[in-house]
Amino acid sequence: MDVAPDKNAADAFANGPLQAGRKAKVRDGKRREKRLDLLRLQGFWPMYAAFIALSLWPPFAEEHIAHTVLRLSGLGFALAGLAVRIWSMGYLRKKEELATAGPYGRTRNPLYVGTWLIGCGLALLAAYPFNLALLGVYNVMFFFVYRGQIAIEEEMLTSIFGDPYREYIRRVPRFFPQMKAWRVGDVSRFSLARAFRNRAWEPVLGLLVLIGLQVAAWGLVWPAIKGASLAKAWADFLAGGWLGI
């Protein structure tokens, strides 16, 4: 059964998106954020390097079709994550208003959902069975790092927006999206221009580079390491070796 929006929350959003009227106050926020930034730097970049290094052979070179399908599903996850991030950025006016429309009506952290999907996809693109191990390690790391990051941001947003944000927390899940979006009041609309003002090109470029490096690893680098000349590795790559066909 649908639950009616809280009247106070509806009133708060009645005149448009909820504007930031106070400065954020987060207990020991700078120190906690610096620690999380260090964890991301020390943890996720080595993970991305492992995704590339363990791309040992192309997807279609797997012995079983199920393993090929599993790896190709990684591309789908990564592209879905990229789409979620761009969709989210098109609603976001950071430090100006509380985003509750579009993906923010289904999950309070759609940007992080997109990041998670991209990471899962890149892990799955690595060679089987290493991709499953990478997927497990990535998820454990993601949980511990982003749980702390989300906690800091929730403290910040509560200090800025007060009770309407608490109502938003009550109605919308923290991470995994709900099927039915929570809608209340007059909220912002999607803007592709806003998405790119929010640097939407960064995840696009980053994903292209990382997938390109994985393809180069399984199509060129590993054949050369295994003894093929660079000329032969390049010729095979152009002939379809980058897919394993």
Protein backbone atom coordinates (compact mmCIF):
# COMPACT_ATOMS: atom_id res chain seq x y z
CA MET A 1 0.00 0.00 0.00
CA ASP A 2 1.34 3.46 -0.91
CA VAL A 3 2.07 5.78 1.99
CA ALA A 4 1.06 9.42 1.63
CA PRO A 5 3.90 11.92 1.89
CA ASP A 6 4.31 13.63 5.23
CA LYS A 7 2.39 16.95 5.15
CA ASN A 8 5.34 18.93 6.48
CA ALA A 9 7.60 17.42 3.83
CA ALA A 10 5.06 18.23 1.12
CA ASP A 11 4.84 21.80 2.40
CA ALA A 12 8.63 22.11 2.41
CA PHE A 13 8.74 21.16 -1.28
CA ALA A 14 5.60 23.05 -2.29
CA ASN A 15 7.45 26.04 -3.71
CA GLY A 16 10.01 24.04 -5.68
CA PRO A 17 13.17 22.09 -4.84
CA LEU A 18 14.33 22.47 -1.26
CA GLN A 19 17.05 25.12 -1.15
CA ALA A 20 20.08 24.98 1.11
CA GLY A 21 19.51 27.61 3.77
CA ARG A 22 22.18 26.66 6.30
CA LYS A 23 25.84 25.71 6.29
CA ALA A 24 26.80 22.09 6.81
CA LYS A 25 27.96 20.98 10.23
CA VAL A 26 29.67 17.60 10.40
CA ARG A 27 31.48 16.32 13.47
CA ASP A 28 35.18 15.88 12.65
CA GLY A 29 34.16 15.87 8.99
CA LYS A 30 37.44 17.01 7.39
CA ARG A 31 39.55 14.39 9.16
CA ARG A 32 37.06 11.62 8.35
CA GLU A 33 36.90 12.65 4.68
CA LYS A 34 40.69 12.77 4.37
CA ARG A 35 40.91 9.25 5.79
CA LEU A 36 38.30 8.00 3.30
CA ASP A 37 40.08 9.76 0.42
CA LEU A 38 43.28 7.96 1.40
CA LEU A 39 41.45 4.63 1.53
CA ARG A 40 40.01 5.24 -1.95
CA LEU A 41 43.43 6.14 -3.32
CA GLN A 42 45.17 3.17 -1.73
CA GLY A 43 42.38 0.69 -2.36
CA PHE A 44 40.50 1.40 -5.56
CA TRP A 45 43.34 2.35 -7.88
CA PRO A 46 45.18 -0.92 -7.14
CA MET A 47 41.85 -2.67 -7.74
CA TYR A 48 41.51 -1.03 -11.17
CA ALA A 49 45.10 -2.03 -11.92
CA ALA A 50 44.22 -5.61 -10.98
CA PHE A 51 41.18 -5.52 -13.31
CA ILE A 52 43.59 -4.66 -16.14
CA ALA A 53 46.43 -7.00 -15.17
CA LEU A 54 44.09 -10.01 -14.85
CA SER A 55 42.50 -9.44 -18.25
CA LEU A 56 44.60 -12.38 -19.41
CA TRP A 57 42.69 -13.42 -22.51
CA PRO A 58 39.69 -12.14 -24.52
CA PRO A 59 36.10 -13.02 -23.55
CA PHE A 60 35.53 -15.31 -26.55
CA ALA A 61 38.70 -17.25 -25.72
CA GLU A 62 37.06 -18.69 -22.60
CA GLU A 63 36.58 -22.47 -22.59
CA HIS A 64 32.88 -22.32 -21.70
CA ILE A 65 30.22 -20.10 -23.22
CA ALA A 66 28.85 -19.37 -19.72
CA HIS A 67 32.17 -17.77 -18.79
CA THR A 68 32.08 -15.68 -21.96
CA VAL A 69 28.54 -14.54 -21.16
CA LEU A 70 29.57 -13.72 -17.60
CA ARG A 71 32.42 -11.55 -18.83
CA LEU A 72 30.32 -9.79 -21.45
CA SER A 73 27.70 -9.07 -18.80
CA GLY A 74 30.41 -6.96 -17.17
CA LEU A 75 30.22 -4.56 -20.11
CA GLY A 76 26.47 -4.26 -19.56
CA PHE A 77 26.94 -3.53 -15.86
CA ALA A 78 29.59 -0.90 -16.60
CA LEU A 79 27.46 0.87 -19.22
CA ALA A 80 24.42 0.75 -16.92
CA GLY A 81 26.51 2.32 -14.17
CA LEU A 82 27.67 5.06 -16.51
CA ALA A 83 24.07 5.79 -17.53
CA VAL A 84 23.00 5.99 -13.87
CA ARG A 85 25.79 8.43 -13.09
CA ILE A 86 24.91 10.71 -16.02
CA TRP A 87 21.19 10.51 -15.14
CA SER A 88 21.99 11.45 -11.54
CA MET A 89 24.26 14.34 -12.50
CA GLY A 90 21.46 15.80 -14.58
CA TYR A 91 19.43 16.42 -11.41
CA LEU A 92 22.23 17.43 -9.06
CA ARG A 93 22.77 21.00 -7.88
CA LYS A 94 25.34 20.32 -5.21
CA LYS A 95 25.34 22.62 -2.17
CA GLU A 96 22.35 24.51 -3.63
CA GLU A 97 19.30 22.24 -3.30
CA LEU A 98 18.28 18.77 -2.15
CA ALA A 99 17.96 16.39 -5.11
CA THR A 100 14.89 14.15 -4.73
CA ALA A 101 13.76 13.75 -8.36
CA GLY A 102 14.66 11.15 -11.00
CA PRO A 103 16.99 8.49 -9.58
CA TYR A 104 17.07 10.31 -6.23
CA GLY A 105 13.44 9.30 -5.73
CA ARG A 106 14.48 5.65 -5.81
CA THR A 107 17.82 5.71 -3.97
CA ARG A 108 19.47 8.43 -1.94
CA ASN A 109 22.86 7.70 -3.49
CA PRO A 110 22.43 7.01 -7.22
CA LEU A 111 25.91 8.33 -8.04
CA TYR A 112 27.44 5.70 -5.80
CA VAL A 113 25.14 3.03 -7.25
CA GLY A 114 26.51 3.98 -10.67
CA THR A 115 30.10 3.83 -9.41
CA TRP A 116 29.42 0.41 -7.88
CA LEU A 117 27.94 -0.95 -11.12
CA ILE A 118 30.92 0.33 -13.14
CA GLY A 119 33.37 -1.34 -10.75
CA CYS A 120 31.44 -4.62 -10.79
CA GLY A 121 31.39 -4.53 -14.58
CA LEU A 122 35.13 -3.94 -14.88
CA ALA A 123 35.80 -6.76 -12.43
CA LEU A 124 33.65 -9.18 -14.46
CA LEU A 125 35.45 -8.25 -17.68
CA ALA A 126 38.68 -9.76 -16.32
CA ALA A 127 39.53 -13.38 -17.14
CA TYR A 128 37.55 -16.19 -15.49
CA PRO A 129 37.85 -17.26 -12.63
CA PHE A 130 39.91 -14.27 -11.48
CA ASN A 131 36.96 -12.01 -12.24
CA LEU A 132 34.88 -13.62 -9.50
CA ALA A 133 37.63 -13.11 -6.91
CA LEU A 134 38.05 -9.50 -8.03
CA LEU A 135 34.30 -8.96 -7.80
CA GLY A 136 34.25 -10.21 -4.22
CA VAL A 137 37.20 -8.10 -3.10
CA TYR A 138 35.81 -5.01 -4.83
CA ASN A 139 32.43 -5.36 -3.12
CA VAL A 140 33.96 -5.75 0.34
CA MET A 141 36.14 -2.69 -0.22
CA PHE A 142 33.26 -0.67 -1.66
CA PHE A 143 31.03 -1.49 1.31
CA PHE A 144 33.50 -0.32 3.95
CA VAL A 145 34.69 2.82 2.16
CA TYR A 146 31.35 4.11 0.91
CA ARG A 147 29.45 3.26 4.07
CA GLY A 148 31.68 5.80 5.82
CA GLN A 149 31.37 8.34 3.00
CA ILE A 150 27.58 8.11 2.94
CA ALA A 151 27.41 8.52 6.74
CA ILE A 152 29.36 11.78 6.52
CA GLU A 153 27.13 13.09 3.73
CA GLU A 154 23.95 12.18 5.61
CA GLU A 155 25.17 14.14 8.64
CA MET A 156 25.94 17.09 6.39
CA LEU A 157 22.57 17.03 4.61
CA THR A 158 20.65 16.63 7.86
CA SER A 159 22.42 19.70 9.27
CA ILE A 160 21.49 21.69 6.13
CA PHE A 161 17.91 20.56 5.41
CA GLY A 162 16.65 19.30 8.79
CA ASP A 163 13.27 17.54 9.05
CA PRO A 164 12.44 17.41 5.31
CA TYR A 165 15.67 15.49 4.77
CA ARG A 166 14.81 13.13 7.63
CA GLU A 167 11.48 12.47 5.89
CA TYR A 168 13.37 11.82 2.64
CA ILE A 169 15.58 9.32 4.49
CA ARG A 170 12.46 7.59 5.82
CA ARG A 171 10.90 7.28 2.35
CA VAL A 172 13.88 6.47 0.11
CA PRO A 173 16.44 3.67 0.64
CA ARG A 174 20.08 4.49 1.21
CA PHE A 175 21.54 2.42 -1.63
CA PHE A 176 19.65 -0.31 -3.47
CA PRO A 177 16.84 1.38 -5.47
CA GLN A 178 13.17 0.85 -4.79
CA MET A 179 10.83 0.15 -7.68
CA LYS A 180 8.42 3.01 -7.07
CA ALA A 181 9.90 6.48 -6.90
CA TRP A 182 9.07 8.78 -3.98
CA ARG A 183 7.65 12.00 -5.37
CA VAL A 184 6.61 15.04 -3.40
CA GLY A 185 6.23 18.68 -4.32
CA ASP A 186 7.64 20.49 -7.33
CA VAL A 187 11.15 19.18 -7.96
CA SER A 188 13.90 19.77 -10.52
CA ARG A 189 13.87 18.28 -14.01
CA PHE A 190 16.68 16.44 -15.77
CA SER A 191 19.16 18.63 -17.64
CA LEU A 192 21.91 17.18 -19.83
CA ALA A 193 23.68 20.55 -19.72
CA ARG A 194 23.64 20.36 -15.91
CA ALA A 195 25.02 16.83 -16.08
CA PHE A 196 28.01 18.03 -18.04
CA ARG A 197 28.45 21.06 -15.78
CA ASN A 198 28.74 18.41 -13.07
CA ARG A 199 31.61 16.89 -15.10
CA ALA A 200 29.68 13.96 -16.55
CA TRP A 201 32.44 13.64 -19.12
CA GLU A 202 34.79 12.34 -16.40
CA PRO A 203 33.12 8.92 -15.90
CA VAL A 204 32.66 8.62 -19.68
CA LEU A 205 36.35 9.22 -20.32
CA GLY A 206 37.42 7.13 -17.32
CA LEU A 207 35.36 4.13 -18.41
CA LEU A 208 36.63 4.35 -21.99
CA VAL A 209 40.23 4.43 -20.76
CA LEU A 210 39.82 1.52 -18.33
CA ILE A 211 38.02 -0.72 -20.83
CA GLY A 212 40.56 0.26 -23.48
CA LEU A 213 43.38 -0.81 -21.15
CA GLN A 214 41.67 -4.12 -20.45
CA VAL A 215 41.28 -4.79 -24.18
CA ALA A 216 44.92 -3.84 -24.75
CA ALA A 217 45.98 -6.17 -21.92
CA TRP A 218 44.20 -9.28 -23.25
CA GLY A 219 44.69 -8.47 -26.93
CA LEU A 220 48.26 -7.14 -27.04
CA VAL A 221 50.18 -7.18 -23.77
CA TRP A 222 49.56 -10.76 -22.66
CA PRO A 223 50.18 -12.26 -26.13
CA ALA A 224 53.51 -10.38 -26.17
CA ILE A 225 54.36 -11.60 -22.66
CA LYS A 226 53.61 -15.15 -23.78
CA GLY A 227 56.14 -14.86 -26.60
CA ALA A 228 54.38 -13.37 -29.61
CA SER A 229 56.22 -10.61 -31.41
CA LEU A 230 54.63 -7.17 -31.22
CA ALA A 231 54.03 -7.27 -34.98
CA LYS A 232 52.20 -10.61 -34.75
CA ALA A 233 50.28 -9.56 -31.65
CA TRP A 234 49.14 -6.39 -33.43
CA ALA A 235 48.18 -8.28 -36.61
CA ASP A 236 46.18 -10.81 -34.56
CA PHE A 237 44.59 -7.98 -32.60
CA LEU A 238 43.38 -6.30 -35.78
CA ALA A 239 42.13 -9.62 -37.14
CA GLY A 240 39.77 -10.10 -34.19
CA GLY A 241 42.17 -11.27 -31.53
CA TRP A 242 40.99 -8.52 -29.22
CA LEU A 243 37.73 -10.46 -28.94
CA GLY A 244 39.30 -13.92 -29.05
CA ILE A 245 37.79 -14.92 -32.39
